[in-house]
C-alpha atoms as a PDB file:
ATOM      1  CA  MET A   1     -47.070  -1.193 -62.672  1.00  0.00           C
ATOM      2  CA  PRO A   2     -50.388  -0.280 -62.444  1.00  0.00           C
ATOM      3  CA  GLY A   3     -51.184  -0.466 -66.391  1.00  0.00           C
ATOM      4  CA  TYR A   4     -49.754  -3.976 -66.069  1.00  0.00           C
ATOM      5  CA  LEU A   5     -52.044  -4.944 -63.077  1.00  0.00           C
ATOM      6  CA  LEU A   6     -55.143  -3.401 -64.890  1.00  0.00           C
ATOM      7  CA  ALA A   7     -54.100  -5.483 -68.388  1.00  0.00           C
ATOM      8  CA  ASN A   8     -53.597  -8.694 -66.399  1.00  0.00           C
ATOM      9  CA  GLU A   9     -56.071  -8.589 -63.810  1.00  0.00           C
ATOM     10  CA  PRO A  10     -58.891 -11.232 -65.526  1.00  0.00           C
ATOM     11  CA  SER A  11     -56.064 -13.476 -66.236  1.00  0.00           C
ATOM     12  CA  ILE A  12     -54.448 -13.268 -62.493  1.00  0.00           C
ATOM     13  CA  ARG A  13     -57.961 -13.707 -60.985  1.00  0.00           C
ATOM     14  CA  LEU A  14     -58.684 -16.344 -62.966  1.00  0.00           C
ATOM     15  CA  GLY A  15     -55.676 -18.294 -62.637  1.00  0.00           C
ATOM     16  CA  VAL A  16     -55.713 -17.987 -58.661  1.00  0.00           C
ATOM     17  CA  PHE A  17     -59.901 -18.792 -58.737  1.00  0.00           C
ATOM     18  CA  LEU A  18     -59.163 -22.228 -60.970  1.00  0.00           C
ATOM     19  CA  GLY A  19     -56.263 -23.250 -59.340  1.00  0.00           C
ATOM     20  CA  VAL A  20     -57.447 -22.912 -56.072  1.00  0.00           C
ATOM     21  CA  LEU A  21     -61.030 -24.499 -56.890  1.00  0.00           C
ATOM     22  CA  LEU A  22     -59.226 -27.641 -58.311  1.00  0.00           C
ATOM     23  CA  LEU A  23     -56.778 -27.861 -55.253  1.00  0.00           C
ATOM     24  CA  MET A  24     -59.682 -27.810 -52.929  1.00  0.00           C
ATOM     25  CA  ALA A  25     -61.604 -30.224 -54.722  1.00  0.00           C
ATOM     26  CA  LEU A  26     -59.018 -32.754 -54.708  1.00  0.00           C
ATOM     27  CA  TRP A  27     -58.598 -32.379 -51.239  1.00  0.00           C
ATOM     28  CA  GLU A  28     -62.132 -32.834 -50.482  1.00  0.00           C
ATOM     29  CA  VAL A  29     -61.975 -36.110 -52.246  1.00  0.00           C
ATOM     30  CA  ALA A  30     -58.940 -37.268 -50.415  1.00  0.00           C
ATOM     31  CA  ALA A  31     -59.765 -36.276 -47.255  1.00  0.00           C
ATOM     32  CA  PRO A  32     -62.944 -34.880 -46.551  1.00  0.00           C
ATOM     33  CA  ARG A  33     -64.479 -33.369 -42.972  1.00  0.00           C
ATOM     34  CA  ARG A  34     -68.163 -34.877 -43.054  1.00  0.00           C
ATOM     35  CA  ARG A  35     -69.822 -37.234 -45.356  1.00  0.00           C
ATOM     36  CA  GLN A  36     -72.074 -35.578 -47.947  1.00  0.00           C
ATOM     37  CA  GLU A  37     -75.259 -37.082 -49.152  1.00  0.00           C
ATOM     38  CA  ILE A  38     -76.475 -34.643 -51.843  1.00  0.00           C
ATOM     39  CA  PRO A  39     -74.881 -35.132 -55.441  1.00  0.00           C
ATOM     40  CA  ARG A  40     -72.215 -33.090 -56.463  1.00  0.00           C
ATOM     41  CA  LEU A  41     -73.568 -32.542 -59.584  1.00  0.00           C
ATOM     42  CA  LEU A  42     -76.552 -31.055 -58.282  1.00  0.00           C
ATOM     43  CA  ARG A  43     -74.685 -28.171 -56.198  1.00  0.00           C
ATOM     44  CA  TRP A  44     -71.854 -27.728 -58.063  1.00  0.00           C
ATOM     45  CA  SER A  45     -73.638 -27.386 -61.520  1.00  0.00           C
ATOM     46  CA  ASN A  46     -75.971 -24.671 -59.943  1.00  0.00           C
ATOM     47  CA  ASN A  47     -73.147 -22.750 -57.479  1.00  0.00           C
ATOM     48  CA  LEU A  48     -70.921 -22.530 -60.698  1.00  0.00           C
ATOM     49  CA  ALA A  49     -73.783 -20.905 -62.686  1.00  0.00           C
ATOM     50  CA  LEU A  50     -74.523 -18.561 -59.966  1.00  0.00           C
ATOM     51  CA  VAL A  51     -70.329 -17.637 -59.753  1.00  0.00           C
ATOM     52  CA  VAL A  52     -71.313 -16.709 -63.837  1.00  0.00           C
ATOM     53  CA  VAL A  53     -74.055 -14.562 -63.582  1.00  0.00           C
ATOM     54  CA  ASP A  54     -72.545 -12.566 -60.526  1.00  0.00           C
ATOM     55  CA  THR A  55     -69.107 -12.055 -62.670  1.00  0.00           C
ATOM     56  CA  LEU A  56     -71.015 -10.674 -65.712  1.00  0.00           C
ATOM     57  CA  LEU A  57     -73.473  -8.358 -63.609  1.00  0.00           C
ATOM     58  CA  VAL A  58     -70.361  -6.652 -61.717  1.00  0.00           C
ATOM     59  CA  ARG A  59     -68.576  -6.397 -65.118  1.00  0.00           C
ATOM     60  CA  LEU A  60     -71.701  -4.783 -66.816  1.00  0.00           C
ATOM     61  CA  ALA A  61     -72.954  -2.490 -63.412  1.00  0.00           C
ATOM     62  CA  PHE A  62     -69.192  -1.626 -62.679  1.00  0.00           C
ATOM     63  CA  PRO A  63     -67.008   0.060 -65.493  1.00  0.00           C
ATOM     64  CA  VAL A  64     -64.368   0.253 -63.185  1.00  0.00           C
ATOM     65  CA  VAL A  65     -63.836  -2.460 -60.141  1.00  0.00           C
ATOM     66  CA  ALA A  66     -61.616  -2.173 -57.401  1.00  0.00           C
ATOM     67  CA  VAL A  67     -58.528  -2.152 -58.900  1.00  0.00           C
ATOM     68  CA  GLY A  68     -59.135   0.294 -61.724  1.00  0.00           C
ATOM     69  CA  LEU A  69     -60.588   2.787 -59.230  1.00  0.00           C
ATOM     70  CA  ALA A  70     -57.796   2.269 -57.005  1.00  0.00           C
ATOM     71  CA  VAL A  71     -55.018   3.177 -59.833  1.00  0.00           C
ATOM     72  CA  LEU A  72     -57.641   6.381 -60.511  1.00  0.00           C
ATOM     73  CA  ALA A  73     -57.463   7.294 -56.946  1.00  0.00           C
ATOM     74  CA  GLN A  74     -53.300   6.921 -57.098  1.00  0.00           C
ATOM     75  CA  GLN A  75     -53.370   8.982 -60.021  1.00  0.00           C
ATOM     76  CA  ASN A  76     -55.728  11.820 -59.269  1.00  0.00           C
ATOM     77  CA  GLY A  77     -54.445  12.094 -55.293  1.00  0.00           C
ATOM     78  CA  TRP A  78     -57.839  10.811 -53.952  1.00  0.00           C
ATOM     79  CA  GLY A  79     -58.261   9.297 -50.849  1.00  0.00           C
ATOM     80  CA  LEU A  80     -56.402   9.209 -47.422  1.00  0.00           C
ATOM     81  CA  PHE A  81     -53.002   7.494 -47.820  1.00  0.00           C
ATOM     82  CA  ASN A  82     -52.537   9.550 -51.801  1.00  0.00           C
ATOM     83  CA  ILE A  83     -53.493  13.089 -49.687  1.00  0.00           C
ATOM     84  CA  ILE A  84     -50.790  11.903 -46.859  1.00  0.00           C
ATOM     85  CA  ASN A  85     -48.675  10.247 -49.184  1.00  0.00           C
ATOM     86  CA  THR A  86     -48.026   6.808 -47.552  1.00  0.00           C
ATOM     87  CA  PRO A  87     -45.026   4.965 -48.401  1.00  0.00           C
ATOM     88  CA  VAL A  88     -46.099   1.644 -50.377  1.00  0.00           C
ATOM     89  CA  TRP A  89     -44.514  -0.682 -47.654  1.00  0.00           C
ATOM     90  CA  LEU A  90     -47.030   0.904 -45.110  1.00  0.00           C
ATOM     91  CA  ALA A  91     -49.902   1.260 -47.258  1.00  0.00           C
ATOM     92  CA  VAL A  92     -49.893  -1.956 -48.449  1.00  0.00           C
ATOM     93  CA  PRO A  93     -50.510  -3.932 -45.318  1.00  0.00           C
ATOM     94  CA  VAL A  94     -52.821  -1.525 -43.740  1.00  0.00           C
ATOM     95  CA  SER A  95     -55.126  -1.435 -46.677  1.00  0.00           C
ATOM     96  CA  MET A  96     -55.556  -5.147 -46.416  1.00  0.00           C
ATOM     97  CA  ILE A  97     -56.242  -5.215 -43.027  1.00  0.00           C
ATOM     98  CA  LEU A  98     -58.375  -2.291 -43.161  1.00  0.00           C
ATOM     99  CA  LEU A  99     -60.324  -3.698 -45.998  1.00  0.00           C
ATOM    100  CA  ASP A 100     -60.902  -7.435 -44.193  1.00  0.00           C
ATOM    101  CA  LEU A 101     -62.377  -5.328 -41.305  1.00  0.00           C
ATOM    102  CA  VAL A 102     -64.613  -3.697 -43.525  1.00  0.00           C
ATOM    103  CA  ILE A 103     -65.874  -7.200 -45.150  1.00  0.00           C
ATOM    104  CA  TYR A 104     -66.118  -8.534 -41.514  1.00  0.00           C
ATOM    105  CA  LEU A 105     -68.474  -5.547 -40.806  1.00  0.00           C
ATOM    106  CA  GLN A 106     -70.383  -5.828 -43.868  1.00  0.00           C
ATOM    107  CA  HIS A 107     -70.859  -9.700 -43.198  1.00  0.00           C
ATOM    108  CA  ILE A 108     -72.499  -8.628 -39.802  1.00  0.00           C
ATOM    109  CA  MET A 109     -74.312  -6.052 -41.249  1.00  0.00           C
ATOM    110  CA  PHE A 110     -75.938  -8.582 -43.669  1.00  0.00           C
ATOM    111  CA  HIS A 111     -76.925 -10.756 -41.056  1.00  0.00           C
ATOM    112  CA  ALA A 112     -77.937  -7.795 -38.496  1.00  0.00           C
ATOM    113  CA  VAL A 113     -80.865  -5.753 -41.098  1.00  0.00           C
ATOM    114  CA  PRO A 114     -83.551  -8.051 -42.238  1.00  0.00           C
ATOM    115  CA  ALA A 115     -83.588  -6.514 -45.964  1.00  0.00           C
ATOM    116  CA  LEU A 116     -79.966  -7.538 -46.396  1.00  0.00           C
ATOM    117  CA  TRP A 117     -80.522 -11.000 -44.151  1.00  0.00           C
ATOM    118  CA  ARG A 118     -83.073 -11.946 -47.238  1.00  0.00           C
ATOM    119  CA  LEU A 119     -79.837 -11.833 -49.671  1.00  0.00           C
ATOM    120  CA  HIS A 120     -77.517 -13.112 -47.750  1.00  0.00           C
ATOM    121  CA  ARG A 121     -79.289 -15.998 -46.460  1.00  0.00           C
ATOM    122  CA  MET A 122     -79.056 -17.620 -50.169  1.00  0.00           C
ATOM    123  CA  HIS A 123     -75.417 -18.530 -48.883  1.00  0.00           C
ATOM    124  CA  HIS A 124     -76.581 -20.226 -45.693  1.00  0.00           C
ATOM    125  CA  ALA A 125     -79.237 -22.007 -47.652  1.00  0.00           C
ATOM    126  CA  ASP A 126     -77.008 -24.218 -49.073  1.00  0.00           C
ATOM    127  CA  LEU A 127     -77.600 -27.629 -47.627  1.00  0.00           C
ATOM    128  CA  GLU A 128     -73.811 -29.018 -47.753  1.00  0.00           C
ATOM    129  CA  PHE A 129     -70.669 -27.095 -46.990  1.00  0.00           C
ATOM    130  CA  ASP A 130     -67.791 -27.340 -49.460  1.00  0.00           C
ATOM    131  CA  VAL A 131     -65.479 -25.079 -51.751  1.00  0.00           C
ATOM    132  CA  THR A 132     -68.324 -24.180 -54.018  1.00  0.00           C
ATOM    133  CA  THR A 133     -70.445 -22.732 -51.083  1.00  0.00           C
ATOM    134  CA  GLY A 134     -67.799 -19.953 -50.706  1.00  0.00           C
ATOM    135  CA  LEU A 135     -68.639 -18.999 -54.351  1.00  0.00           C
ATOM    136  CA  ARG A 136     -72.425 -18.731 -53.617  1.00  0.00           C
ATOM    137  CA  PHE A 137     -73.635 -15.217 -53.133  1.00  0.00           C
ATOM    138  CA  HIS A 138     -76.987 -13.636 -54.552  1.00  0.00           C
ATOM    139  CA  PRO A 139     -76.014 -11.215 -57.240  1.00  0.00           C
ATOM    140  CA  ILE A 140     -77.609  -8.159 -55.529  1.00  0.00           C
ATOM    141  CA  GLU A 141     -75.408  -9.200 -52.593  1.00  0.00           C
ATOM    142  CA  ILE A 142     -72.682  -9.096 -54.789  1.00  0.00           C
ATOM    143  CA  LEU A 143     -73.079  -5.846 -56.455  1.00  0.00           C
ATOM    144  CA  LEU A 144     -73.705  -4.386 -52.987  1.00  0.00           C
ATOM    145  CA  SER A 145     -70.663  -5.662 -51.738  1.00  0.00           C
ATOM    146  CA  MET A 146     -68.580  -3.940 -54.546  1.00  0.00           C
ATOM    147  CA  ALA A 147     -70.519  -0.747 -54.025  1.00  0.00           C
ATOM    148  CA  LEU A 148     -69.294  -0.621 -50.660  1.00  0.00           C
ATOM    149  CA  LYS A 149     -65.516  -1.848 -51.586  1.00  0.00           C
ATOM    150  CA  LEU A 150     -65.543   0.788 -53.890  1.00  0.00           C
ATOM    151  CA  ALA A 151     -66.818   3.706 -51.781  1.00  0.00           C
ATOM    152  CA  VAL A 152     -63.799   2.135 -49.299  1.00  0.00           C
ATOM    153  CA  VAL A 153     -61.101   2.276 -51.983  1.00  0.00           C
ATOM    154  CA  ALA A 154     -61.817   6.016 -53.083  1.00  0.00           C
ATOM    155  CA  ALA A 155     -62.247   6.868 -49.441  1.00  0.00           C
ATOM    156  CA  LEU A 156     -58.676   5.124 -48.181  1.00  0.00           C
ATOM    157  CA  GLY A 157     -56.647   5.636 -51.852  1.00  0.00           C
ATOM    158  CA  PRO A 158     -55.038   2.144 -50.941  1.00  0.00           C
ATOM    159  CA  PRO A 159     -52.233   1.097 -53.604  1.00  0.00           C
ATOM    160  CA  ALA A 160     -53.411  -0.757 -56.878  1.00  0.00           C
ATOM    161  CA  ILE A 161     -51.431  -4.106 -55.906  1.00  0.00           C
ATOM    162  CA  ALA A 162     -53.294  -3.938 -52.298  1.00  0.00           C
ATOM    163  CA  VAL A 163     -56.668  -3.887 -53.553  1.00  0.00           C
ATOM    164  CA  LEU A 164     -55.782  -6.670 -56.247  1.00  0.00           C
ATOM    165  CA  VAL A 165     -53.577  -8.990 -53.544  1.00  0.00           C
ATOM    166  CA  PHE A 166     -56.522  -8.592 -51.350  1.00  0.00           C
ATOM    167  CA  GLU A 167     -59.225  -9.670 -53.585  1.00  0.00           C
ATOM    168  CA  VAL A 168     -57.514 -12.554 -54.649  1.00  0.00           C
ATOM    169  CA  VAL A 169     -56.420 -13.646 -51.113  1.00  0.00           C
ATOM    170  CA  LEU A 170     -60.207 -13.293 -50.229  1.00  0.00           C
ATOM    171  CA  ASN A 171     -61.569 -15.265 -53.183  1.00  0.00           C
ATOM    172  CA  GLY A 172     -59.311 -17.951 -52.162  1.00  0.00           C
ATOM    173  CA  MET A 173     -59.679 -18.182 -48.628  1.00  0.00           C
ATOM    174  CA  ALA A 174     -62.968 -18.047 -49.191  1.00  0.00           C
ATOM    175  CA  MET A 175     -63.124 -21.121 -51.086  1.00  0.00           C
ATOM    176  CA  PHE A 176     -60.772 -22.767 -48.260  1.00  0.00           C
ATOM    177  CA  ASN A 177     -62.446 -22.019 -45.625  1.00  0.00           C
ATOM    178  CA  HIS A 178     -65.940 -23.403 -46.961  1.00  0.00           C
ATOM    179  CA  SER A 179     -63.991 -26.529 -47.902  1.00  0.00           C
ATOM    180  CA  ASN A 180     -65.060 -29.830 -46.804  1.00  0.00           C
ATOM    181  CA  VAL A 181     -61.642 -31.008 -45.778  1.00  0.00           C
ATOM    182  CA  ARG A 182     -60.011 -32.548 -42.835  1.00  0.00           C
ATOM    183  CA  LEU A 183     -57.478 -30.709 -41.126  1.00  0.00           C
ATOM    184  CA  PRO A 184     -55.159 -32.311 -38.207  1.00  0.00           C
ATOM    185  CA  LEU A 185     -56.513 -30.547 -34.893  1.00  0.00           C
ATOM    186  CA  GLY A 186     -53.635 -29.326 -33.689  1.00  0.00           C
ATOM    187  CA  LEU A 187     -52.649 -27.867 -37.164  1.00  0.00           C
ATOM    188  CA  ASP A 188     -56.472 -25.830 -36.964  1.00  0.00           C
ATOM    189  CA  ARG A 189     -55.521 -24.585 -33.297  1.00  0.00           C
ATOM    190  CA  MET A 190     -52.074 -23.230 -34.748  1.00  0.00           C
ATOM    191  CA  LEU A 191     -53.595 -21.696 -38.073  1.00  0.00           C
ATOM    192  CA  ARG A 192     -56.806 -20.264 -36.116  1.00  0.00           C
ATOM    193  CA  TRP A 193     -54.545 -17.706 -34.936  1.00  0.00           C
ATOM    194  CA  ILE A 194     -53.627 -16.648 -38.390  1.00  0.00           C
ATOM    195  CA  VAL A 195     -56.636 -17.408 -40.816  1.00  0.00           C
ATOM    196  CA  VAL A 196     -59.838 -18.436 -40.466  1.00  0.00           C
ATOM    197  CA  THR A 197     -59.685 -22.147 -40.867  1.00  0.00           C
ATOM    198  CA  PRO A 198     -62.449 -24.475 -42.511  1.00  0.00           C
ATOM    199  CA  ASP A 199     -63.544 -25.858 -38.951  1.00  0.00           C
ATOM    200  CA  MET A 200     -64.127 -22.360 -38.013  1.00  0.00           C
ATOM    201  CA  HIS A 201     -66.200 -21.158 -40.432  1.00  0.00           C
ATOM    202  CA  ARG A 202     -68.436 -24.356 -40.969  1.00  0.00           C
ATOM    203  CA  VAL A 203     -69.758 -23.273 -37.649  1.00  0.00           C
ATOM    204  CA  HIS A 204     -71.318 -20.162 -39.099  1.00  0.00           C
ATOM    205  CA  HIS A 205     -73.023 -22.615 -41.166  1.00  0.00           C
ATOM    206  CA  SER A 206     -74.700 -24.160 -38.273  1.00  0.00           C
ATOM    207  CA  ILE A 207     -78.746 -24.336 -38.338  1.00  0.00           C
ATOM    208  CA  ILE A 208     -78.124 -23.007 -34.716  1.00  0.00           C
ATOM    209  CA  PRO A 209     -79.433 -19.261 -35.018  1.00  0.00           C
ATOM    210  CA  ALA A 210     -76.142 -18.386 -32.272  1.00  0.00           C
ATOM    211  CA  GLU A 211     -73.971 -20.314 -33.967  1.00  0.00           C
ATOM    212  CA  THR A 212     -75.654 -18.992 -37.423  1.00  0.00           C
ATOM    213  CA  ASN A 213     -74.448 -15.250 -35.902  1.00  0.00           C
ATOM    214  CA  SER A 214     -70.384 -16.157 -35.121  1.00  0.00           C
ATOM    215  CA  ASN A 215     -67.053 -16.644 -36.797  1.00  0.00           C
ATOM    216  CA  PHE A 216     -67.805 -13.754 -39.348  1.00  0.00           C
ATOM    217  CA  GLY A 217     -64.613 -13.362 -40.671  1.00  0.00           C
ATOM    218  CA  PHE A 218     -63.215 -14.765 -43.949  1.00  0.00           C
ATOM    219  CA  ASN A 219     -59.650 -13.919 -43.687  1.00  0.00           C
ATOM    220  CA  LEU A 220     -58.683 -12.822 -40.481  1.00  0.00           C
ATOM    221  CA  PRO A 221     -59.899 -14.706 -37.270  1.00  0.00           C
ATOM    222  CA  TRP A 222     -58.581 -11.498 -35.106  1.00  0.00           C
ATOM    223  CA  TRP A 223     -62.378  -9.319 -35.691  1.00  0.00           C
ATOM    224  CA  ASP A 224     -64.326 -12.491 -34.350  1.00  0.00           C
ATOM    225  CA  MET A 225     -61.763 -12.907 -31.059  1.00  0.00           C
ATOM    226  CA  LEU A 226     -61.091  -9.272 -30.808  1.00  0.00           C
ATOM    227  CA  LEU A 227     -65.391  -8.071 -30.651  1.00  0.00           C
ATOM    228  CA  GLY A 228     -67.050 -11.505 -29.010  1.00  0.00           C
ATOM    229  CA  THR A 229     -68.456 -12.958 -32.184  1.00  0.00           C
ATOM    230  CA  TYR A 230     -66.016 -15.857 -32.182  1.00  0.00           C
ATOM    231  CA  GLN A 231     -67.156 -19.824 -31.155  1.00  0.00           C
ATOM    232  CA  ALA A 232     -64.751 -22.103 -31.380  1.00  0.00           C
ATOM    233  CA  GLN A 233     -66.955 -25.936 -32.101  1.00  0.00           C
ATOM    234  CA  PRO A 234     -70.206 -26.003 -32.919  1.00  0.00           C
ATOM    235  CA  LYS A 235     -72.252 -27.638 -29.966  1.00  0.00           C
ATOM    236  CA  ALA A 236     -73.359 -30.846 -32.003  1.00  0.00           C
ATOM    237  CA  GLY A 237     -70.038 -31.203 -33.186  1.00  0.00           C
ATOM    238  CA  HIS A 238     -68.829 -31.280 -37.173  1.00  0.00           C
ATOM    239  CA  ASP A 239     -69.929 -34.541 -38.057  1.00  0.00           C
ATOM    240  CA  ALA A 240     -73.466 -34.353 -36.463  1.00  0.00           C
ATOM    241  CA  MET A 241     -73.765 -30.670 -37.347  1.00  0.00           C
ATOM    242  CA  THR A 242     -76.778 -29.751 -39.435  1.00  0.00           C
ATOM    243  CA  ILE A 243     -75.718 -27.296 -41.839  1.00  0.00           C
ATOM    244  CA  GLY A 244     -78.238 -24.510 -43.419  1.00  0.00           C
ATOM    245  CA  ILE A 245     -81.266 -22.424 -42.154  1.00  0.00           C
ATOM    246  CA  GLU A 246     -84.139 -23.523 -40.721  1.00  0.00           C
ATOM    247  CA  GLN A 247     -86.190 -22.554 -44.562  1.00  0.00           C
ATOM    248  CA  PHE A 248     -85.704 -23.667 -48.078  1.00  0.00           C
ATOM    249  CA  ARG A 249     -84.494 -27.145 -47.241  1.00  0.00           C
ATOM    250  CA  ILE A 250     -85.343 -29.026 -49.998  1.00  0.00           C
ATOM    251  CA  PRO A 251     -82.890 -30.068 -52.750  1.00  0.00           C
ATOM    252  CA  ARG A 252     -85.220 -27.836 -55.308  1.00  0.00           C
ATOM    253  CA  ASP A 253     -84.077 -25.250 -53.844  1.00  0.00           C
ATOM    254  CA  LEU A 254     -80.713 -25.822 -54.656  1.00  0.00           C
ATOM    255  CA  TRP A 255     -81.454 -25.235 -58.424  1.00  0.00           C
ATOM    256  CA  LEU A 256     -80.465 -21.687 -60.033  1.00  0.00           C
ATOM    257  CA  ASP A 257     -83.465 -20.124 -60.223  1.00  0.00           C
ATOM    258  CA  ARG A 258     -84.916 -20.968 -56.663  1.00  0.00           C
ATOM    259  CA  MET A 259     -81.706 -19.437 -55.548  1.00  0.00           C
ATOM    260  CA  LEU A 260     -82.112 -16.064 -57.421  1.00  0.00           C
ATOM    261  CA  VAL A 261     -85.730 -15.464 -56.578  1.00  0.00           C
ATOM    262  CA  GLN A 262     -85.309 -16.551 -52.926  1.00  0.00           C
ATOM    263  CA  PRO A 263     -85.035 -13.208 -51.538  1.00  0.00           C
ATOM    264  CA  LEU A 264     -88.471 -12.774 -52.742  1.00  0.00           C
ATOM    265  CA  ARG A 265     -90.007 -15.990 -51.537  1.00  0.00           C
ATOM    266  CA  GLU A 266     -91.288 -16.449 -47.940  1.00  0.00           C
ATOM    267  CA  PRO A 267     -90.619 -20.458 -46.310  1.00  0.00           C
ATOM    268  CA  GLU A 268     -93.148 -22.538 -47.087  1.00  0.00           C
ATOM    269  CA  ASN A 269     -94.068 -25.770 -45.194  1.00  0.00           C
ATOM    270  CA  THR A 270     -91.323 -28.482 -46.144  1.00  0.00           C
ATOM    271  CA  ALA A 271     -93.650 -31.368 -46.140  1.00  0.00           C
ATOM    272  CA  ASP A 272     -96.168 -29.930 -48.568  1.00  0.00           C
ATOM    273  CA  ALA A 273     -93.098 -28.648 -50.591  1.00  0.00           C
ATOM    274  CA  GLN A 274     -91.658 -32.145 -51.149  1.00  0.00           C
ATOM    275  CA  LYS A 275     -95.006 -33.431 -52.143  1.00  0.00           C
ATOM    276  CA  ARG A 276     -95.096 -31.069 -54.973  1.00  0.00           C
ATOM    277  CA  ASP A 277     -91.448 -30.944 -55.993  1.00  0.00           C
END
């Protein structure tokens, strides 16, 4: 099984990625939650180009990714679950829950630490909220996130299948809960007990700081509910709320070159920027 996972990991990831991306894109066309004003071609071309940059850098920077490290940990007896010889039926769900908690705490850290927020704010600076927003992360943030994930995998020693399923689910859920799709309100209320829904996560992309600093979960909604960071709805309502942050609010800031250097840039006067661009 470990050899099969390593050999087929890229195709598994790519297949799920493309399948979920296509499904959510079609859903957004068929049942959009909000009207979008910015041309999809502008945002999608640059957001998806960023995915290519992120993927190439991760592959170059890390000779072993999380699934491969999990296999090495199992072979060498590294990590908590391998040391205490935890049965797979228990280690898989516990590993996935703990990895999700780590991602939640990491997300809070990227909001709380000013230097990390400079990286993460690029994700929030998207002026619309749709499936590609869930893929829009600065390459340095992706590298730091991978380094943290590798450290957690080395410490826990989770089964390789748990790491692979978690990463595939995390990627798919990020696209789902960033999508501009309309769910029946009753269904949304029920789903929120087990997964983060688009309406729940959209609050996190509000321009209002108190709302930006809520609903940090990507997969499981429980951490927000248990730890006091949950907000059910945006104050302005989903149709009227403003997406993004106060800085970087011109279409030129949506281009790949501007996104890559954004952590180094200071906010500028919007009116002056519009005149220049």
